Protein backbone atom coordinates (compact mmCIF):
# COMPACT_ATOMS: atom_id res chain seq x y z
CA MET A 1 13.04 14.66 -59.29
CA ILE A 2 10.11 16.60 -60.78
CA LYS A 3 8.93 19.55 -58.71
CA GLU A 4 5.52 21.17 -59.15
CA LEU A 5 4.05 24.15 -57.31
CA VAL A 6 0.25 24.02 -57.09
CA ILE A 7 -1.35 27.28 -55.89
CA HIS A 8 -5.03 27.54 -54.98
CA ALA A 9 -6.66 30.84 -53.99
CA ASN A 10 -9.79 30.89 -51.82
CA SER A 11 -11.59 33.25 -49.42
CA LYS A 12 -9.11 32.54 -46.58
CA GLY A 13 -5.92 33.11 -48.55
CA VAL A 14 -3.55 31.33 -50.89
CA GLU A 15 -2.85 27.61 -50.35
CA ILE A 16 0.52 26.46 -51.69
CA ALA A 17 1.44 22.82 -52.25
CA LEU A 18 4.92 21.70 -53.28
CA LEU A 19 4.90 18.31 -54.99
CA GLU A 20 7.98 16.20 -55.62
CA ASP A 21 7.27 13.38 -58.07
CA LYS A 22 3.52 14.01 -57.46
CA LYS A 23 3.97 13.56 -53.70
CA LEU A 24 3.08 16.39 -51.30
CA VAL A 25 6.18 17.47 -49.35
CA GLU A 26 5.35 21.04 -48.29
CA TYR A 27 2.07 22.81 -47.60
CA HIS A 28 1.67 26.52 -46.80
CA LEU A 29 -1.27 28.84 -46.20
CA ASP A 30 -0.64 32.51 -46.97
CA ALA A 31 -3.68 33.90 -45.12
CA TYR A 32 -5.20 37.24 -46.14
CA ASP A 33 -5.86 38.21 -42.50
CA LYS A 34 -2.34 37.31 -41.34
CA GLU A 35 -1.08 39.91 -38.86
CA GLY A 36 2.43 39.98 -40.34
CA TYR A 37 5.64 39.59 -38.33
CA ALA A 38 6.97 36.92 -40.67
CA ALA A 39 10.52 35.58 -40.62
CA GLY A 40 12.70 37.88 -42.71
CA ASP A 41 10.71 41.08 -42.03
CA PHE A 42 12.67 44.19 -40.97
CA TYR A 43 11.33 46.39 -38.15
CA LEU A 44 12.39 49.56 -36.43
CA GLY A 45 12.15 48.59 -32.77
CA ARG A 46 12.80 50.05 -29.34
CA ILE A 47 14.63 48.27 -26.51
CA LYS A 48 12.12 47.93 -23.65
CA LYS A 49 14.16 45.96 -21.16
CA ILE A 50 17.68 44.58 -20.73
CA ASN A 51 17.80 41.24 -18.90
CA PRO A 52 21.37 40.65 -17.61
CA GLY A 53 20.50 37.16 -16.33
CA LEU A 54 19.53 36.01 -19.82
CA ASN A 55 22.11 38.28 -21.47
CA ALA A 56 19.26 39.37 -23.71
CA ALA A 57 16.83 42.19 -24.38
CA PHE A 58 13.11 42.51 -24.98
CA VAL A 59 12.11 44.73 -27.89
CA ASP A 60 8.88 46.47 -28.91
CA ILE A 61 8.24 45.93 -32.63
CA GLY A 62 4.46 46.28 -32.37
CA HIS A 63 3.62 42.62 -31.72
CA GLU A 64 1.28 41.81 -28.82
CA LYS A 65 4.20 39.99 -27.18
CA ASP A 66 7.58 41.67 -26.80
CA ALA A 67 10.18 40.32 -29.21
CA PHE A 68 13.34 38.70 -27.84
CA ILE A 69 16.97 39.05 -28.86
CA HIS A 70 19.95 37.30 -27.28
CA TYR A 71 23.44 38.76 -27.20
CA SER A 72 24.62 36.04 -29.61
CA ASP A 73 22.13 37.36 -32.19
CA LEU A 74 23.36 40.96 -32.09
CA SER A 75 26.02 40.34 -34.76
CA PRO A 76 29.62 41.58 -34.48
CA TYR A 77 28.74 44.87 -36.21
CA ILE A 78 25.91 45.92 -33.85
CA ARG A 79 27.66 49.24 -33.12
CA SER A 80 27.52 50.04 -36.84
CA ILE A 81 23.80 49.21 -36.93
CA ARG A 82 23.17 51.43 -33.91
CA LYS A 83 25.02 54.32 -35.55
CA PHE A 84 23.34 53.72 -38.94
CA SER A 85 19.87 53.62 -37.33
CA SER A 86 20.46 56.98 -35.64
CA GLU A 87 21.74 58.63 -38.82
CA ALA A 88 19.03 57.18 -41.06
CA PHE A 89 16.35 58.39 -38.64
CA LYS A 90 17.71 61.94 -39.01
CA GLY A 91 17.91 61.61 -42.79
CA GLU A 92 21.70 61.86 -42.72
CA GLN A 93 22.43 58.46 -44.23
CA SER A 94 22.43 57.35 -47.88
CA HIS A 95 21.38 53.78 -48.64
CA LEU A 96 24.87 53.20 -50.05
CA LEU A 97 27.50 52.94 -47.32
CA GLU A 98 30.49 54.32 -49.24
CA LYS A 99 31.03 57.19 -46.78
CA PHE A 100 29.86 55.28 -43.70
CA GLU A 101 32.55 54.55 -41.12
CA ILE A 102 32.27 51.01 -39.79
CA GLU A 103 32.44 50.83 -35.99
CA PRO A 104 34.63 48.28 -34.16
CA TYR A 105 33.18 44.80 -33.84
CA ILE A 106 31.93 43.65 -30.43
CA HIS A 107 33.39 40.73 -28.48
CA LYS A 108 31.48 37.48 -29.00
CA ASP A 109 31.41 36.76 -25.23
CA GLY A 110 30.30 40.22 -24.09
CA GLN A 111 27.28 41.43 -22.16
CA MET A 112 24.11 42.96 -23.61
CA ALA A 113 24.15 45.82 -21.08
CA ASP A 114 27.59 46.90 -22.33
CA VAL A 115 26.36 47.29 -25.92
CA LEU A 116 22.73 48.47 -25.81
CA ASP A 117 20.63 50.61 -23.45
CA LYS A 118 16.97 50.71 -22.64
CA GLY A 119 15.20 53.00 -25.11
CA ASP A 120 17.68 52.45 -27.98
CA ILE A 121 16.10 52.48 -31.45
CA LEU A 122 17.53 50.02 -33.97
CA VAL A 123 16.83 48.04 -37.10
CA PHE A 124 15.93 44.43 -36.29
CA GLN A 125 15.09 41.44 -38.47
CA ILE A 126 12.73 38.64 -37.42
CA SER A 127 14.59 35.32 -37.36
CA LYS A 128 11.80 33.23 -35.84
CA GLU A 129 8.08 33.93 -35.83
CA ALA A 130 5.98 34.04 -32.67
CA ILE A 131 5.30 30.48 -31.53
CA SER A 132 2.81 29.54 -28.81
CA THR A 133 3.38 31.88 -25.83
CA LYS A 134 6.66 33.28 -27.13
CA GLY A 135 7.01 36.50 -29.10
CA PRO A 136 9.09 36.80 -32.28
CA ARG A 137 12.82 36.18 -32.03
CA LEU A 138 15.04 38.87 -33.53
CA THR A 139 18.49 39.15 -35.00
CA CYS A 140 20.77 42.00 -35.99
CA GLU A 141 22.64 39.76 -38.44
CA LEU A 142 20.80 41.60 -41.22
CA SER A 143 20.47 39.93 -44.62
CA ILE A 144 18.29 40.39 -47.71
CA PRO A 145 17.91 37.22 -49.81
CA GLY A 146 17.75 37.26 -53.59
CA ARG A 147 17.61 34.47 -56.11
CA TYR A 148 21.36 34.11 -56.54
CA VAL A 149 22.85 36.24 -53.77
CA VAL A 150 22.11 37.19 -50.15
CA LEU A 151 23.11 40.81 -49.42
CA VAL A 152 24.71 41.43 -45.99
CA PRO A 153 25.35 45.08 -44.98
CA PHE A 154 28.20 46.34 -42.74
CA THR A 155 30.67 43.65 -43.75
CA ALA A 156 33.01 42.98 -46.66
CA SER A 157 33.06 39.17 -46.63
CA ILE A 158 31.95 36.95 -49.51
CA GLY A 159 30.69 33.44 -48.86
CA ILE A 160 30.02 30.73 -51.45
CA SER A 161 27.46 27.97 -50.92
CA LYS A 162 29.14 24.73 -49.82
CA LYS A 163 26.94 22.87 -52.29
CA ILE A 164 28.94 24.45 -55.13
CA ALA A 165 31.80 21.96 -55.05
CA ASP A 166 33.80 22.86 -58.17
CA ALA A 167 36.83 24.97 -57.15
CA ASP A 168 37.01 26.84 -60.48
CA GLU A 169 33.35 27.76 -60.30
CA ARG A 170 33.71 28.99 -56.74
CA ALA A 171 36.68 31.14 -57.76
CA ARG A 172 34.75 32.53 -60.75
CA LEU A 173 31.75 33.52 -58.61
CA GLN A 174 34.04 34.99 -55.93
CA LYS A 175 35.74 37.22 -58.52
CA ILE A 176 32.48 38.41 -60.12
CA VAL A 177 30.74 39.23 -56.85
CA GLN A 178 33.85 40.98 -55.50
CA GLN A 179 33.70 43.34 -58.48
CA LEU A 180 29.93 43.91 -58.28
CA LYS A 181 29.26 44.41 -54.59
CA PRO A 182 29.35 47.98 -53.15
CA LYS A 183 31.64 49.06 -50.33
CA HIS A 184 30.67 47.84 -46.84
CA PHE A 185 28.33 45.19 -48.25
CA GLY A 186 29.05 41.49 -48.08
CA CYS A 187 27.41 38.71 -50.08
CA VAL A 188 26.56 35.05 -49.71
CA VAL A 189 26.39 33.34 -53.09
CA ARG A 190 23.55 30.82 -53.20
CA THR A 191 23.58 27.38 -54.83
CA ASN A 192 21.29 28.66 -57.62
CA ALA A 193 24.14 30.91 -58.81
CA GLU A 194 26.20 27.99 -60.12
CA GLY A 195 26.84 28.59 -63.83
CA ILE A 196 25.07 31.98 -63.82
CA GLY A 197 26.60 34.85 -65.79
CA GLU A 198 27.74 38.27 -64.60
CA ASN A 199 24.68 40.15 -65.90
CA GLU A 200 22.23 37.99 -63.94
CA LEU A 201 24.28 38.39 -60.75
CA LYS A 202 24.53 42.15 -61.29
CA HIS A 203 20.75 42.41 -61.75
CA ASP A 204 20.11 40.38 -58.59
CA ILE A 205 22.50 42.50 -56.48
CA GLN A 206 20.92 45.72 -57.80
CA ASN A 207 17.44 44.50 -56.84
CA LEU A 208 18.68 43.80 -53.31
CA LEU A 209 20.29 47.25 -53.08
CA ASN A 210 16.96 48.78 -54.11
CA LYS A 211 15.33 46.98 -51.18
CA TRP A 212 18.00 48.30 -48.82
CA LYS A 213 17.36 51.78 -50.23
CA MET A 214 13.64 51.40 -49.47
CA LEU A 215 14.46 50.27 -45.90
CA THR A 216 16.72 53.29 -45.37
CA LYS A 217 14.10 55.66 -46.76
CA ASN A 218 11.37 54.20 -44.52
CA MET A 219 13.45 54.93 -41.40
CA LYS A 220 13.55 58.70 -41.89
CA PHE A 221 11.78 60.56 -39.03
CA GLN A 222 9.87 57.40 -38.01
CA ASN A 223 9.03 56.41 -34.45
CA PRO A 224 9.10 52.71 -33.56
CA PRO A 225 7.52 50.30 -33.87
CA LYS A 226 7.62 50.53 -37.65
CA LEU A 227 7.69 47.92 -40.43
CA LEU A 228 10.58 48.88 -42.69
CA LEU A 229 10.80 46.07 -45.24
CA LYS A 230 8.62 43.01 -45.61
CA GLU A 231 9.73 39.64 -46.86
CA MET A 232 7.95 38.81 -50.11
CA ASP A 233 4.75 36.74 -50.09
CA LYS A 234 5.19 33.05 -49.36
CA THR A 235 4.33 32.11 -52.95
CA PHE A 236 7.09 34.24 -54.43
CA SER A 237 9.66 33.34 -51.76
CA ILE A 238 9.15 29.63 -52.52
CA VAL A 239 9.56 30.30 -56.24
CA ARG A 240 12.67 32.38 -55.54
CA ASP A 241 14.30 29.75 -53.32
CA LEU A 242 13.38 26.60 -55.21
CA MET A 243 13.42 27.59 -58.88
CA ASN A 244 15.76 25.37 -60.89
CA ASP A 245 15.68 23.08 -63.92
CA ASN A 246 13.82 20.40 -61.92
CA PHE A 247 10.92 22.81 -61.36
CA SER A 248 8.63 21.60 -64.15
CA LYS A 249 5.37 23.40 -63.47
CA ILE A 250 3.80 26.26 -61.52
CA ILE A 251 0.03 26.22 -61.80
CA THR A 252 -2.59 28.46 -60.17
CA ASP A 253 -6.34 28.94 -60.49
CA GLU A 254 -6.20 32.69 -59.70
CA GLN A 255 -5.96 35.03 -62.69
CA SER A 256 -4.21 37.99 -61.01
CA LEU A 257 -1.72 35.72 -59.21
CA TYR A 258 -0.96 34.01 -62.51
CA GLY A 259 -0.12 37.39 -64.05
CA ASP A 260 2.08 38.38 -61.10
CA LEU A 261 3.97 35.07 -61.17
CA LYS A 262 4.45 35.30 -64.92
CA ALA A 263 5.88 38.81 -64.58
CA TYR A 264 8.12 37.85 -61.64
CA ILE A 265 9.63 34.85 -63.41
CA LYS A 266 9.99 36.76 -66.68
CA GLU A 267 12.13 39.30 -64.81
CA HIS A 268 14.18 36.95 -62.66
CA SER A 269 14.30 33.71 -64.66
CA PRO A 270 13.01 34.29 -68.22
CA GLU A 271 14.02 30.81 -69.34
CA HIS A 272 11.35 29.36 -67.00
CA THR A 273 8.44 31.60 -68.08
CA SER A 274 6.73 28.78 -69.98
CA ILE A 275 6.26 26.63 -66.86
CA VAL A 276 3.71 29.07 -65.34
CA ASN A 277 0.17 27.92 -66.14
CA LEU A 278 -3.36 29.15 -65.42
CA TYR A 279 -5.74 26.35 -64.40
CA GLU A 280 -9.22 26.74 -65.88
CA ASN A 281 -10.72 23.25 -65.55
CA SER A 282 -14.05 22.73 -63.75
CA THR A 283 -12.50 20.11 -61.43
CA PRO A 284 -11.06 21.89 -58.35
CA LEU A 285 -7.29 22.34 -58.69
CA PHE A 286 -6.38 20.55 -55.44
CA GLU A 287 -8.63 17.64 -56.41
CA LYS A 288 -7.06 17.37 -59.87
CA TYR A 289 -3.57 17.08 -58.38
CA GLU A 290 -4.79 14.95 -55.44
CA VAL A 291 -3.49 17.52 -52.95
CA SER A 292 -6.68 17.42 -50.84
CA ARG A 293 -6.50 13.64 -50.57
CA GLN A 294 -2.84 13.74 -49.57
CA ILE A 295 -3.52 16.40 -46.92
CA LYS A 296 -6.28 14.25 -45.42
CA SER A 297 -4.05 11.17 -45.29
CA ALA A 298 -0.86 12.92 -44.13
CA PHE A 299 -1.94 15.16 -41.25
CA GLY A 300 -3.62 12.64 -38.97
CA LYS A 301 -2.16 11.30 -35.73
CA THR A 302 -1.60 7.99 -37.53
CA VAL A 303 0.13 7.84 -40.92
CA THR A 304 -0.09 4.59 -42.86
CA LEU A 305 2.78 3.43 -45.09
CA LYS A 306 2.50 1.46 -48.33
CA SER A 307 3.80 -1.70 -46.68
CA GLY A 308 0.99 -1.66 -44.11
CA ALA A 309 3.25 -0.35 -41.36
CA TYR A 310 2.28 2.94 -39.74
CA LEU A 311 3.58 5.91 -37.77
CA ILE A 312 2.06 7.43 -34.65
CA ILE A 313 3.03 11.09 -34.23
CA GLU A 314 2.61 12.62 -30.78
CA HIS A 315 3.37 16.19 -29.69
CA THR A 316 4.31 17.17 -26.16
CA GLU A 317 5.32 20.55 -24.74
CA ALA A 318 9.01 19.68 -24.97
CA LEU A 319 9.35 17.43 -28.02
CA HIS A 320 7.74 15.31 -30.72
CA VAL A 321 7.66 11.53 -30.45
CA ILE A 322 7.25 9.30 -33.50
CA ASP A 323 6.56 5.60 -33.02
CA VAL A 324 7.15 3.18 -35.91
CA ASN A 325 4.90 0.10 -35.95
CA SER A 326 5.11 -2.86 -38.31
CA GLY A 327 1.35 -3.44 -38.34
CA PRO A 328 -0.25 -6.87 -38.78
CA LYS A 329 1.29 -7.57 -42.20
CA VAL A 330 4.72 -9.13 -41.82
CA LYS A 331 6.25 -10.64 -44.95
CA LYS A 332 6.92 -14.33 -44.68
CA GLY A 333 10.28 -15.81 -45.54
CA ILE A 334 12.25 -12.73 -44.49
CA ALA A 335 14.46 -12.70 -41.41
CA GLN A 336 13.12 -10.57 -38.55
CA ASP A 337 16.03 -8.10 -38.63
CA ALA A 338 15.83 -7.69 -42.42
CA ASN A 339 12.07 -7.17 -42.28
CA ALA A 340 12.43 -4.59 -39.49
CA PHE A 341 15.15 -2.80 -41.47
CA ASN A 342 12.99 -2.58 -44.62
CA ILE A 343 10.08 -1.13 -42.65
CA ASN A 344 12.37 1.30 -40.79
CA VAL A 345 13.86 2.63 -44.04
CA GLU A 346 10.37 3.17 -45.47
CA ALA A 347 9.41 4.92 -42.22
CA ALA A 348 12.53 7.12 -42.33
CA GLN A 349 11.59 8.41 -45.77
CA GLU A 350 8.05 9.21 -44.63
CA ILE A 351 9.26 10.83 -41.40
CA ALA A 352 11.56 13.16 -43.38
CA ARG A 353 8.55 14.13 -45.49
CA GLN A 354 6.35 14.64 -42.43
CA LEU A 355 8.87 16.97 -40.76
CA ARG A 356 8.84 19.24 -43.82
CA LEU A 357 5.12 18.93 -44.41
CA ARG A 358 4.04 19.76 -40.86
CA ASN A 359 6.99 22.10 -40.23
CA ILE A 360 7.91 20.14 -37.11
CA GLY A 361 10.85 21.65 -35.25
CA GLY A 362 12.69 21.32 -31.95
CA ILE A 363 13.55 17.88 -30.60
CA ILE A 364 12.15 14.82 -32.39
CA VAL A 365 12.56 11.33 -30.90
CA ILE A 366 11.88 8.36 -33.18
CA ASP A 367 11.24 4.88 -31.81
CA PHE A 368 12.11 2.60 -34.72
CA ILE A 369 11.40 -1.13 -34.76
CA ASP A 370 14.15 -2.94 -32.82
CA MET A 371 17.05 -4.37 -34.81
CA LYS A 372 19.92 -6.39 -33.37
CA SER A 373 22.34 -5.94 -36.27
CA GLY A 374 24.80 -3.09 -35.86
CA GLU A 375 25.19 -2.94 -39.64
CA TYR A 376 21.45 -2.42 -40.12
CA LYS A 377 21.45 0.30 -37.48
CA HIS A 378 24.23 2.16 -39.28
CA LYS A 379 22.46 1.75 -42.65
CA LEU A 380 19.26 3.13 -41.13
CA TYR A 381 21.15 6.21 -39.90
CA GLU A 382 22.53 6.70 -43.43
CA ALA A 383 19.03 6.27 -44.90
CA MET A 384 17.63 8.90 -42.52
CA THR A 385 20.45 11.29 -43.39
CA ALA A 386 19.80 10.80 -47.12
CA ALA A 387 16.05 11.31 -46.68
CA MET A 388 16.65 14.61 -44.84
CA LYS A 389 19.15 15.90 -47.40
CA SER A 390 16.56 17.96 -49.29
CA ASP A 391 15.30 19.60 -46.06
CA LYS A 392 16.42 23.25 -46.09
CA SER A 393 15.85 23.72 -42.35
CA LYS A 394 18.99 23.24 -40.27
CA HIS A 395 18.96 19.86 -38.57
CA VAL A 396 21.17 17.42 -36.70
CA ILE A 397 20.62 13.65 -36.76
CA LEU A 398 22.10 11.35 -34.12
CA PRO A 399 22.69 7.60 -34.67
CA LEU A 400 20.44 5.09 -32.96
CA SER A 401 20.99 4.87 -29.21
CA LYS A 402 21.39 1.57 -27.38
CA PHE A 403 17.64 1.74 -26.68
CA GLY A 404 16.85 1.92 -30.40
CA LEU A 405 15.88 5.60 -30.37
CA MET A 406 16.98 8.19 -32.91
CA GLU A 407 17.10 11.87 -31.95
CA ILE A 408 16.80 14.73 -34.42
CA THR A 409 16.91 18.46 -33.77
CA ARG A 410 15.36 20.61 -36.48
CA GLN A 411 15.29 24.38 -36.70
CA ARG A 412 11.85 25.80 -36.00
CA VAL A 413 11.30 29.20 -37.65
CA LYS A 414 7.51 29.15 -38.07
CA GLU A 415 4.51 27.74 -36.22
CA GLU A 416 3.90 24.05 -36.77
CA ILE A 417 1.18 23.29 -39.32
CA SER A 418 -1.70 21.39 -37.74
CA ILE A 419 -4.76 20.33 -39.73
CA ASP A 420 -7.68 18.45 -38.19
CA THR A 421 -8.55 15.87 -40.85
CA ARG A 422 -11.45 14.41 -38.86
CA GLU A 423 -15.13 15.14 -39.41
CA PRO A 424 -18.04 15.64 -36.95
CA LEU A 425 -19.84 12.37 -36.29
CA LEU A 426 -23.46 13.53 -36.40
CA ASN A 427 -23.65 16.16 -39.13
CA GLY A 428 -21.65 18.57 -37.01
CA SER A 429 -23.95 18.31 -33.97
CA SER A 430 -21.60 16.12 -31.93
CA LYS A 431 -18.42 17.05 -30.16
CA TYR A 432 -16.98 13.68 -31.24
CA LYS A 433 -15.04 13.44 -34.48
CA ILE A 434 -14.03 10.57 -36.73
CA ASP A 435 -11.38 9.93 -39.36
CA GLN A 436 -12.15 11.01 -42.91
CA PRO A 437 -13.97 8.17 -44.73
CA LEU A 438 -11.66 8.69 -47.73
CA GLN A 439 -8.64 8.04 -45.53
CA ILE A 440 -10.14 4.76 -44.31
CA VAL A 441 -11.02 3.77 -47.89
CA ASP A 442 -7.45 4.51 -48.98
CA ASN A 443 -6.18 2.17 -46.26
CA ILE A 444 -8.57 -0.54 -47.46
CA TYR A 445 -7.44 -0.13 -51.05
CA ALA A 446 -3.78 -0.36 -50.00
CA ASP A 447 -4.52 -3.75 -48.41
CA LEU A 448 -6.51 -4.96 -51.41
CA ASN A 449 -3.69 -3.93 -53.72
CA ARG A 450 -1.39 -6.38 -51.95
CA LEU A 451 -3.76 -9.23 -52.88
CA LYS A 452 -3.12 -9.02 -56.63
CA THR A 453 -1.17 -12.26 -56.61
CA HIS A 454 -3.48 -14.07 -54.16
CA GLU A 455 -4.88 -17.32 -55.56
CA ASN A 456 -8.46 -16.45 -54.58
CA ARG A 457 -10.60 -14.15 -56.77
CA ASN A 458 -13.43 -13.48 -54.30
CA PHE A 459 -13.17 -11.73 -50.95
CA ILE A 460 -15.53 -10.49 -48.24
CA LEU A 461 -14.87 -7.11 -46.63
CA TYR A 462 -16.37 -6.41 -43.18
CA VAL A 463 -16.54 -2.70 -42.28
CA HIS A 464 -18.15 -0.43 -39.72
CA PRO A 465 -21.74 0.62 -40.69
CA PHE A 466 -20.63 4.22 -41.18
CA VAL A 467 -17.96 3.19 -43.72
CA TYR A 468 -20.41 0.70 -45.25
CA ALA A 469 -22.89 3.51 -45.87
CA PHE A 470 -20.17 5.67 -47.41
CA LEU A 471 -19.10 2.89 -49.78
CA LYS A 472 -22.68 1.89 -50.65
CA LYS A 473 -23.44 5.43 -51.85
CA ASP A 474 -21.39 4.58 -54.90
CA THR A 475 -20.70 0.91 -54.41
CA PHE A 476 -20.57 0.16 -58.15
CA SER A 477 -17.84 2.73 -58.66
CA PHE A 478 -15.72 1.47 -55.75
CA ARG A 479 -16.12 -2.21 -56.58
CA MET A 480 -15.40 -1.66 -60.26
CA LYS A 481 -12.32 0.39 -59.42
CA TRP A 482 -11.06 -2.36 -57.14
CA TYR A 483 -11.78 -5.02 -59.75
CA SER A 484 -10.05 -3.08 -62.55
CA LYS A 485 -6.97 -2.46 -60.38
CA ILE A 486 -6.50 -5.83 -58.70
CA GLY A 487 -8.76 -8.23 -60.61
CA LYS A 488 -10.65 -9.33 -57.48
CA ILE A 489 -14.34 -9.30 -56.59
CA VAL A 490 -15.07 -7.80 -53.17
CA ARG A 491 -18.39 -8.23 -51.33
CA LEU A 492 -19.29 -5.66 -48.63
CA ILE A 493 -20.79 -6.58 -45.26
CA GLN A 494 -21.40 -4.19 -42.34
CA ASP A 495 -20.27 -5.21 -38.85
CA SER A 496 -21.19 -2.95 -35.92
CA SER A 497 -18.74 -4.75 -33.61
CA LEU A 498 -15.84 -3.18 -35.49
CA HIS A 499 -14.29 0.13 -34.54
CA LEU A 500 -14.83 2.83 -37.13
CA ALA A 501 -11.33 2.53 -38.61
CA GLN A 502 -11.27 -1.28 -38.37
CA TYR A 503 -12.09 -3.68 -41.19
CA LYS A 504 -11.68 -7.40 -41.85
CA LEU A 505 -10.82 -9.16 -45.09
CA ILE A 506 -11.57 -12.86 -45.51
CA THR A 507 -11.68 -15.24 -48.45
CA LYS A 508 -14.95 -16.67 -49.70
CA GLU A 509 -14.10 -19.84 -47.76
CA GLY A 510 -13.74 -17.87 -44.51
CA THR A 511 -9.94 -17.69 -44.23
CA ALA A 512 -8.75 -14.43 -42.64
CA ILE A 513 -6.30 -12.37 -44.65
């Protein structure tokens, strides 16, 4: 799989598109006016209220809504964090914990009121950003991620990524990290560390210790709320987490960002320096890599698949519902169950992409096309599991229920990405909006493409007057493109009885396609 990171800077911020085999799978906007409070940020906060009923506390970290932390998120070593916070505030604590005495761990089934008091000042880390009416969610399971290692203070444990399967390699990494890590610091060795030498691991751990040193220094004589350590910009965090040999290109159209990325990769992964490129072509970067077109076609309520089937994605307060529809094109000569299975597998792959692309979290219910075969149902579950394998967010997939529904829970750390791909109907003067003409044209082309082997060479295409006008602006270009791709001649006719997104294809003799 070829991975490319396409980064476009504009007046609003930095747009980041992750492409896998030229297909858009993740989209991020790192806005310049973003208020902060991102997942991974460290804050010095003050306990405002203990809620015994919820076994939780509300914390002031400076956000307009109080942050929330449950007892289960305190971590076993919360007493050590409380003590460390007090000593660091007074300037009595070094960033290294060699002389620090670890406090006893708390019981996992205890009560918040027995551990913390109103007014306590502690270090917190944001685990989930503010979503809708809820403030940020916090954790005291502190961790600082690097490229190869995640540094965890106040513990001595070493964990190795489960994706590193080789026993000898796991033992090698365990031995190296055990020798490198300081006292009272634990480490989680990431998948990227497989095959990495001692010097690279040492450099990564030292960088993380420098960040912990900065956090400790920023606590001295500070009153909460106070930002202590910020997670790196989205662009760099994506590079840090995803960089591997499959990452073939990082390209940006912003000169200063290009220099920063080049320097970052030269320091952390010098063997990949050559893949960073500055884009200087006159064609907009997102147009060149067809990111804009993919955004327009992927973020609508309806998502069309190559087979002609389509998804309808609905959002409610409690969950997301995805309906899979076969559409009007059903292949002849294929048994109903087999045809439904083929469409469902194609839908599963697109749904996995949509969850990552839109950052959909919580409960997702998928209504696949009904299948009677138990074997097909099991194969569909396996296909969905395989499609979700590359999703880094924690998720659980349940097999199809007796009603043909599949349930998925997916960790939601950030706000869902929602992009309105429609346009105002009357030059922006109307409150009514319509689908992007390009999206409709893409759907038409997908249908025409399936007519390559059709015996007829001439077709008539009936479209709504609005789409007709759009196509007629450059009708020669569209018709020539269609002819060069499928070898068919298409005549355009406007039909006001059609809905905007509707169109009809018939042969020259009048037979409907």
